[in-house]
N, C-alpha and C. Protein backbone atom coordinates (compact mmCIF):
# COMPACT_ATOMS: atom_id res chain seq x y z
N MET A 1 -63.10 -42.94 -29.39
CA MET A 1 -62.72 -42.20 -30.33
C MET A 1 -61.75 -42.73 -31.35
N ALA A 2 -61.95 -42.41 -32.79
CA ALA A 2 -61.13 -43.27 -33.71
C ALA A 2 -59.89 -42.33 -33.60
N PHE A 3 -58.94 -42.99 -34.26
CA PHE A 3 -57.36 -42.77 -34.36
C PHE A 3 -57.53 -42.10 -35.87
N VAL A 4 -57.23 -41.02 -36.30
CA VAL A 4 -56.76 -40.55 -37.72
C VAL A 4 -55.33 -40.11 -37.82
N ARG A 5 -54.75 -40.68 -38.50
CA ARG A 5 -53.21 -40.48 -39.08
C ARG A 5 -53.20 -39.01 -39.54
N THR A 6 -52.38 -38.21 -38.77
CA THR A 6 -52.04 -36.81 -39.38
C THR A 6 -50.60 -36.85 -39.31
N VAL A 7 -50.31 -35.53 -40.27
CA VAL A 7 -48.93 -35.38 -40.46
C VAL A 7 -48.65 -33.96 -40.09
N GLN A 8 -47.55 -33.85 -39.28
CA GLN A 8 -47.06 -32.94 -38.52
C GLN A 8 -46.62 -31.83 -39.27
N TYR A 9 -46.45 -30.50 -39.12
CA TYR A 9 -46.03 -29.45 -40.19
C TYR A 9 -44.61 -29.93 -40.67
N GLU A 10 -43.67 -30.16 -39.51
CA GLU A 10 -42.06 -30.53 -39.64
C GLU A 10 -41.79 -31.74 -40.40
N ASP A 11 -43.02 -32.67 -40.35
CA ASP A 11 -42.70 -33.96 -41.33
C ASP A 11 -43.44 -33.87 -42.78
N ALA A 12 -44.04 -32.61 -42.98
CA ALA A 12 -44.74 -32.65 -44.44
C ALA A 12 -44.07 -31.93 -45.67
N ALA A 13 -43.78 -32.70 -46.66
CA ALA A 13 -43.17 -32.35 -47.80
C ALA A 13 -43.93 -31.99 -49.04
N GLY A 14 -43.44 -31.49 -49.94
CA GLY A 14 -43.94 -31.15 -51.34
C GLY A 14 -45.37 -30.63 -51.40
N GLU A 15 -46.57 -31.27 -51.94
CA GLU A 15 -47.55 -30.39 -52.13
C GLU A 15 -48.39 -30.27 -50.89
N MET A 16 -48.04 -31.33 -49.67
CA MET A 16 -48.72 -31.38 -48.38
C MET A 16 -48.21 -30.28 -47.35
N LYS A 17 -46.50 -29.90 -47.92
CA LYS A 17 -46.31 -28.72 -47.02
C LYS A 17 -46.75 -27.51 -47.80
N ASP A 18 -46.67 -27.43 -49.26
CA ASP A 18 -47.32 -26.10 -49.81
C ASP A 18 -48.72 -25.84 -48.99
N CYS A 19 -49.35 -26.88 -49.00
CA CYS A 19 -50.93 -26.82 -48.35
C CYS A 19 -50.85 -25.92 -47.13
N TYR A 20 -49.75 -26.56 -46.14
CA TYR A 20 -49.68 -26.38 -44.90
C TYR A 20 -49.38 -24.82 -44.81
N ASP A 21 -48.33 -24.48 -45.62
CA ASP A 21 -47.71 -23.17 -45.90
C ASP A 21 -48.96 -22.03 -46.24
N ALA A 22 -49.75 -22.52 -47.18
CA ALA A 22 -51.12 -21.51 -47.28
C ALA A 22 -51.65 -21.42 -46.13
N ILE A 23 -52.03 -22.42 -45.53
CA ILE A 23 -53.25 -22.20 -44.31
C ILE A 23 -52.10 -21.62 -43.12
N LEU A 24 -51.12 -21.53 -43.07
CA LEU A 24 -50.20 -20.88 -42.02
C LEU A 24 -50.25 -19.21 -42.23
N ARG A 25 -50.20 -18.90 -43.61
CA ARG A 25 -50.68 -17.43 -43.83
C ARG A 25 -51.89 -17.07 -43.23
N HIS A 26 -52.88 -17.70 -42.96
CA HIS A 26 -54.26 -17.35 -42.47
C HIS A 26 -54.28 -17.45 -41.03
N ASN A 27 -53.54 -18.66 -40.50
CA ASN A 27 -53.78 -19.20 -38.93
C ASN A 27 -52.28 -18.95 -38.55
N LEU A 28 -52.60 -19.20 -37.05
CA LEU A 28 -51.33 -19.25 -36.33
C LEU A 28 -50.67 -20.81 -36.14
N ARG A 29 -51.51 -21.56 -36.56
CA ARG A 29 -51.28 -23.08 -36.40
C ARG A 29 -52.01 -23.57 -37.57
N VAL A 30 -51.55 -25.14 -37.92
CA VAL A 30 -52.60 -25.92 -38.57
C VAL A 30 -53.56 -26.29 -37.84
N PRO A 31 -54.74 -26.00 -38.26
CA PRO A 31 -56.03 -26.70 -37.49
C PRO A 31 -56.12 -28.14 -37.27
N ASN A 32 -56.41 -28.89 -36.36
CA ASN A 32 -56.52 -30.35 -36.81
C ASN A 32 -57.42 -30.96 -37.66
N LEU A 33 -58.33 -30.11 -37.97
CA LEU A 33 -59.49 -30.28 -39.12
C LEU A 33 -58.74 -30.49 -40.46
N HIS A 34 -57.65 -29.72 -40.82
CA HIS A 34 -56.88 -29.82 -41.82
C HIS A 34 -55.57 -30.88 -41.91
N ALA A 35 -55.19 -31.03 -40.36
CA ALA A 35 -54.10 -31.91 -40.53
C ALA A 35 -54.80 -33.33 -40.61
N VAL A 36 -56.01 -33.71 -40.47
CA VAL A 36 -56.55 -34.86 -40.98
C VAL A 36 -56.44 -35.44 -41.87
N SER A 37 -56.68 -34.27 -42.90
CA SER A 37 -57.20 -34.28 -44.59
C SER A 37 -55.50 -34.28 -45.17
N ALA A 38 -54.46 -33.96 -44.29
CA ALA A 38 -53.29 -33.67 -45.06
C ALA A 38 -52.44 -34.83 -45.87
N ILE A 39 -53.22 -36.18 -45.58
CA ILE A 39 -52.71 -37.18 -46.40
C ILE A 39 -53.40 -37.24 -47.82
N ARG A 40 -54.60 -36.11 -48.04
CA ARG A 40 -54.93 -36.25 -49.25
C ARG A 40 -54.90 -34.59 -49.64
N PRO A 41 -53.93 -34.02 -50.08
CA PRO A 41 -53.64 -32.67 -50.42
C PRO A 41 -54.75 -31.96 -51.03
N GLU A 42 -55.40 -32.66 -51.85
CA GLU A 42 -56.75 -32.20 -52.87
C GLU A 42 -57.80 -31.88 -51.58
N ILE A 43 -57.87 -32.68 -51.05
CA ILE A 43 -58.83 -32.35 -49.88
C ILE A 43 -58.68 -31.56 -49.25
N MET A 44 -57.24 -31.51 -48.76
CA MET A 44 -57.07 -30.29 -47.71
C MET A 44 -56.99 -28.82 -48.41
N GLU A 45 -56.96 -28.94 -49.61
CA GLU A 45 -56.78 -27.51 -50.51
C GLU A 45 -58.06 -27.29 -50.50
N THR A 46 -59.19 -28.06 -50.64
CA THR A 46 -60.71 -27.72 -51.11
C THR A 46 -61.16 -27.57 -49.75
N LEU A 47 -60.91 -27.95 -48.53
CA LEU A 47 -61.41 -27.96 -47.08
C LEU A 47 -61.03 -26.44 -46.96
N ALA A 48 -59.90 -26.12 -47.07
CA ALA A 48 -59.06 -24.94 -46.37
C ALA A 48 -59.77 -23.47 -47.35
N ALA A 49 -59.87 -23.93 -48.55
CA ALA A 49 -60.78 -22.80 -49.40
C ALA A 49 -62.17 -22.56 -48.97
N HIS A 50 -62.95 -23.64 -48.75
CA HIS A 50 -64.26 -23.52 -48.38
C HIS A 50 -64.45 -22.71 -46.83
N LEU A 51 -63.38 -23.26 -45.80
CA LEU A 51 -63.59 -22.41 -44.65
C LEU A 51 -63.17 -21.28 -44.63
N ARG A 52 -62.22 -21.05 -45.68
CA ARG A 52 -61.72 -19.51 -45.90
C ARG A 52 -62.86 -18.37 -46.31
N ALA A 53 -63.42 -19.23 -47.51
CA ALA A 53 -64.68 -18.33 -47.74
C ALA A 53 -65.83 -18.12 -46.72
N VAL A 54 -66.30 -19.15 -46.19
CA VAL A 54 -67.22 -19.27 -44.91
C VAL A 54 -66.90 -18.12 -43.97
N MET A 55 -65.55 -18.33 -43.45
CA MET A 55 -65.41 -17.43 -42.52
C MET A 55 -64.62 -16.26 -42.53
N SER A 56 -64.23 -15.92 -43.66
CA SER A 56 -63.65 -14.82 -43.78
C SER A 56 -64.40 -13.65 -45.04
N GLU A 57 -65.26 -14.30 -45.71
CA GLU A 57 -65.64 -13.58 -46.77
C GLU A 57 -66.94 -12.55 -45.86
N ARG A 58 -67.45 -11.41 -46.47
CA ARG A 58 -67.92 -10.34 -45.85
C ARG A 58 -69.12 -10.77 -45.89
N SER A 59 -70.07 -10.85 -44.69
CA SER A 59 -71.67 -11.13 -44.49
C SER A 59 -72.14 -10.36 -43.40
N GLY A 60 -73.54 -10.62 -42.84
CA GLY A 60 -73.97 -9.85 -41.76
C GLY A 60 -73.54 -10.04 -40.47
N LEU A 61 -72.47 -10.85 -40.45
CA LEU A 61 -71.97 -11.46 -39.50
C LEU A 61 -70.39 -11.43 -39.12
N THR A 62 -69.94 -11.08 -37.78
CA THR A 62 -68.84 -10.52 -37.64
C THR A 62 -67.72 -12.31 -37.42
N ARG A 63 -66.54 -12.10 -37.51
CA ARG A 63 -66.12 -13.41 -37.21
C ARG A 63 -66.24 -14.34 -36.04
N ALA A 64 -66.38 -13.52 -35.25
CA ALA A 64 -66.62 -14.17 -33.97
C ALA A 64 -68.00 -14.81 -34.08
N GLU A 65 -68.95 -13.89 -34.23
CA GLU A 65 -70.25 -14.31 -34.64
C GLU A 65 -70.18 -15.73 -35.30
N LYS A 66 -69.43 -15.88 -36.53
CA LYS A 66 -69.73 -17.10 -37.17
C LYS A 66 -68.72 -18.11 -36.08
N GLU A 67 -67.91 -18.11 -35.65
CA GLU A 67 -67.06 -18.75 -34.73
C GLU A 67 -68.23 -19.53 -33.45
N MET A 68 -69.06 -18.65 -33.33
CA MET A 68 -70.04 -18.93 -31.82
C MET A 68 -70.95 -19.77 -33.01
N VAL A 69 -71.42 -19.30 -34.21
CA VAL A 69 -72.29 -20.24 -34.97
C VAL A 69 -71.88 -21.72 -34.77
N ALA A 70 -70.48 -21.92 -35.42
CA ALA A 70 -69.88 -23.20 -35.30
C ALA A 70 -69.92 -23.68 -34.26
N THR A 71 -69.76 -23.16 -33.03
CA THR A 71 -69.70 -23.86 -31.70
C THR A 71 -71.09 -24.35 -31.32
N VAL A 72 -71.83 -23.60 -31.37
CA VAL A 72 -73.45 -23.97 -31.28
C VAL A 72 -73.60 -25.10 -32.31
N VAL A 73 -73.57 -25.18 -33.26
CA VAL A 73 -73.73 -26.47 -34.13
C VAL A 73 -73.14 -27.55 -33.84
N SER A 74 -71.61 -27.45 -33.60
CA SER A 74 -70.96 -28.79 -33.12
C SER A 74 -71.70 -29.15 -31.92
N ALA A 75 -71.69 -28.35 -30.80
CA ALA A 75 -72.65 -28.64 -29.72
C ALA A 75 -73.94 -29.58 -29.82
N LEU A 76 -74.92 -29.04 -30.71
CA LEU A 76 -76.10 -29.71 -31.00
C LEU A 76 -75.85 -30.97 -31.49
N SER A 77 -74.82 -30.73 -32.38
CA SER A 77 -74.45 -32.14 -33.14
C SER A 77 -73.55 -33.23 -32.38
N LYS A 78 -73.58 -32.98 -31.16
CA LYS A 78 -72.83 -33.52 -30.23
C LYS A 78 -71.38 -33.95 -30.80
N CYS A 79 -70.60 -33.25 -31.28
CA CYS A 79 -69.20 -33.13 -31.74
C CYS A 79 -68.19 -33.21 -30.67
N GLN A 80 -67.40 -33.93 -30.83
CA GLN A 80 -66.75 -33.91 -29.62
C GLN A 80 -65.19 -33.38 -29.83
N TYR A 81 -65.23 -32.87 -31.35
CA TYR A 81 -63.87 -32.24 -31.71
C TYR A 81 -64.11 -30.67 -31.00
């Protein structure tokens, strides 16, 4: 598995810390998916906005159902994450 540098919350500063703080307003922790994009705050912001829109917006599915769809897609894609 490839190694990807991440930045821990306590080491974040400036725009990166602002992004982490925004993510933590909606999550209990900074998900690894966001941490791997932390070295490029503009990508992390876009990713966070996309995931919020997909997972939080009203639709015919509950949040739990959306999480299940994401899990099944990851399994079918043989995603190791």
